[in-house]
Amino acid sequence: MGNSFLYSLTGRNTDFFLVNENEDQLFRDISGKISYKMNYNLKLDISGGYRKQVGRGIDLDLVTLRGEVNTRFRKVYFTFGIEWFNRRFITEKVNFANSYFALSRSF
């Protein structure tokens, strides 16, 4: 089995005008994913997204990224991944990074 490549990109831009409050609210989202299967036993996945919300009580900036490598040897699966997100919400700021390793067996 040869290699294969898959990608997707989606986005949305929404602007609301609340008549009763005489106020604008803005929502923007973009997300994407890339998946590359190098051979039958090795696969790479990368995904990420960005979200921005502006309005009364909803000021948010959020960035997320995730990468994962999957491989297998016989019926044992190995997964190594990293993930990161940065969130600014009103007065709160969060910067989070994580890595993980998983080992599983298929029967």
Protein backbone atom coordinates (compact mmCIF):
# COMPACT_ATOMS: atom_id res chain seq x y z
CA MET A 1 0.00 0.00 0.00
CA GLY A 2 1.44 3.39 -1.01
CA ASN A 3 1.33 6.70 0.73
CA SER A 4 -1.74 8.92 0.86
CA PHE A 5 -2.37 12.55 1.72
CA LEU A 6 -5.56 14.08 3.12
CA TYR A 7 -6.25 17.68 4.06
CA SER A 8 -9.18 19.85 5.04
CA LEU A 9 -9.66 23.52 5.80
CA THR A 10 -12.87 25.07 7.06
CA GLY A 11 -13.74 28.56 8.18
CA ARG A 12 -16.62 30.71 9.27
CA ASN A 13 -17.13 34.44 9.73
CA THR A 14 -20.33 35.61 11.42
CA ASP A 15 -21.21 39.16 12.41
CA PHE A 16 -24.34 39.68 14.50
CA PHE A 17 -25.96 43.00 15.21
CA LEU A 18 -28.14 42.81 18.30
CA VAL A 19 -30.88 45.38 17.73
CA ASN A 20 -32.20 45.55 21.30
CA GLU A 21 -28.70 46.08 22.75
CA ASN A 22 -27.43 48.16 19.79
CA GLU A 23 -24.28 46.03 19.78
CA ASP A 24 -22.15 44.01 17.36
CA GLN A 25 -20.88 40.51 18.07
CA LEU A 26 -18.22 38.95 15.84
CA PHE A 27 -17.39 35.24 15.56
CA ARG A 28 -14.50 33.94 13.43
CA ASP A 29 -13.36 30.33 13.20
CA ILE A 30 -10.82 28.54 11.05
CA SER A 31 -9.63 24.97 11.42
CA GLY A 32 -7.54 22.60 9.39
CA LYS A 33 -6.15 19.10 9.36
CA ILE A 34 -3.42 17.34 7.44
CA SER A 35 -3.05 13.58 7.48
CA TYR A 36 -0.19 11.83 5.71
CA LYS A 37 0.02 8.06 5.59
CA MET A 38 3.60 7.27 4.63
CA ASN A 39 3.06 3.53 4.43
CA TYR A 40 0.89 0.82 5.96
CA ASN A 41 2.58 1.19 9.36
CA LEU A 42 3.29 4.93 9.73
CA LYS A 43 0.89 7.89 9.80
CA LEU A 44 1.26 11.60 10.68
CA ASP A 45 -1.69 13.80 11.71
CA ILE A 46 -1.52 17.56 12.26
CA SER A 47 -4.54 19.68 13.16
CA GLY A 48 -5.13 23.20 14.38
CA GLY A 49 -7.62 25.95 14.74
CA TYR A 50 -8.20 29.57 15.57
CA ARG A 51 -11.30 31.13 17.13
CA LYS A 52 -11.98 34.79 17.79
CA GLN A 53 -15.12 36.09 19.44
CA VAL A 54 -15.69 39.79 20.09
CA GLY A 55 -18.64 41.25 21.94
CA ARG A 56 -19.91 42.12 25.37
CA GLY A 57 -18.78 39.40 27.79
CA ILE A 58 -17.37 37.08 25.09
CA ASP A 59 -13.94 38.47 24.15
CA LEU A 60 -12.00 35.33 23.26
CA ASP A 61 -8.84 34.47 21.30
CA LEU A 62 -8.09 30.74 21.09
CA VAL A 63 -5.35 28.95 19.14
CA THR A 64 -5.01 25.15 19.19
CA LEU A 65 -2.41 22.90 17.56
CA ARG A 66 -1.98 19.14 17.72
CA GLY A 67 0.42 16.72 16.10
CA GLU A 68 0.46 12.94 16.29
CA VAL A 69 2.58 10.13 14.88
CA ASN A 70 1.10 6.62 14.75
CA THR A 71 3.04 3.49 13.95
CA ARG A 72 2.66 -0.20 14.52
CA PHE A 73 4.79 -3.27 14.82
CA ARG A 74 2.89 -6.49 14.32
CA LYS A 75 -0.29 -5.86 16.35
CA VAL A 76 1.23 -3.33 18.77
CA TYR A 77 0.37 0.33 18.11
CA PHE A 78 2.59 3.22 19.22
CA THR A 79 1.29 6.79 19.33
CA PHE A 80 3.29 9.89 20.17
CA GLY A 81 1.65 13.28 20.20
CA ILE A 82 2.00 16.88 21.23
CA GLU A 83 -0.70 19.48 21.75
CA TRP A 84 -0.67 23.16 22.53
CA PHE A 85 -3.28 25.82 23.06
CA ASN A 86 -3.23 29.49 23.94
CA ARG A 87 -6.40 31.13 25.21
CA ARG A 88 -7.11 34.73 26.07
CA PHE A 89 -10.58 35.19 27.50
CA ILE A 90 -11.49 38.62 28.85
CA THR A 91 -8.79 38.97 31.59
CA GLU A 92 -7.65 35.31 31.72
CA LYS A 93 -4.61 34.04 29.81
CA VAL A 94 -3.81 30.33 29.52
CA ASN A 95 -0.86 28.82 27.66
CA PHE A 96 -0.91 25.00 27.77
CA ALA A 97 1.44 22.44 26.26
CA ASN A 98 1.30 18.66 26.56
CA SER A 99 2.95 15.59 25.11
CA TYR A 100 1.81 12.02 25.36
CA PHE A 101 2.71 8.48 24.45
CA ALA A 102 0.27 5.59 24.09
CA LEU A 103 0.91 1.91 23.62
CA SER A 104 -1.92 -0.46 22.66
CA ARG A 105 -2.42 -3.93 21.28
CA SER A 106 -5.05 -5.12 18.82
CA PHE A 107 -6.59 -8.59 19.15
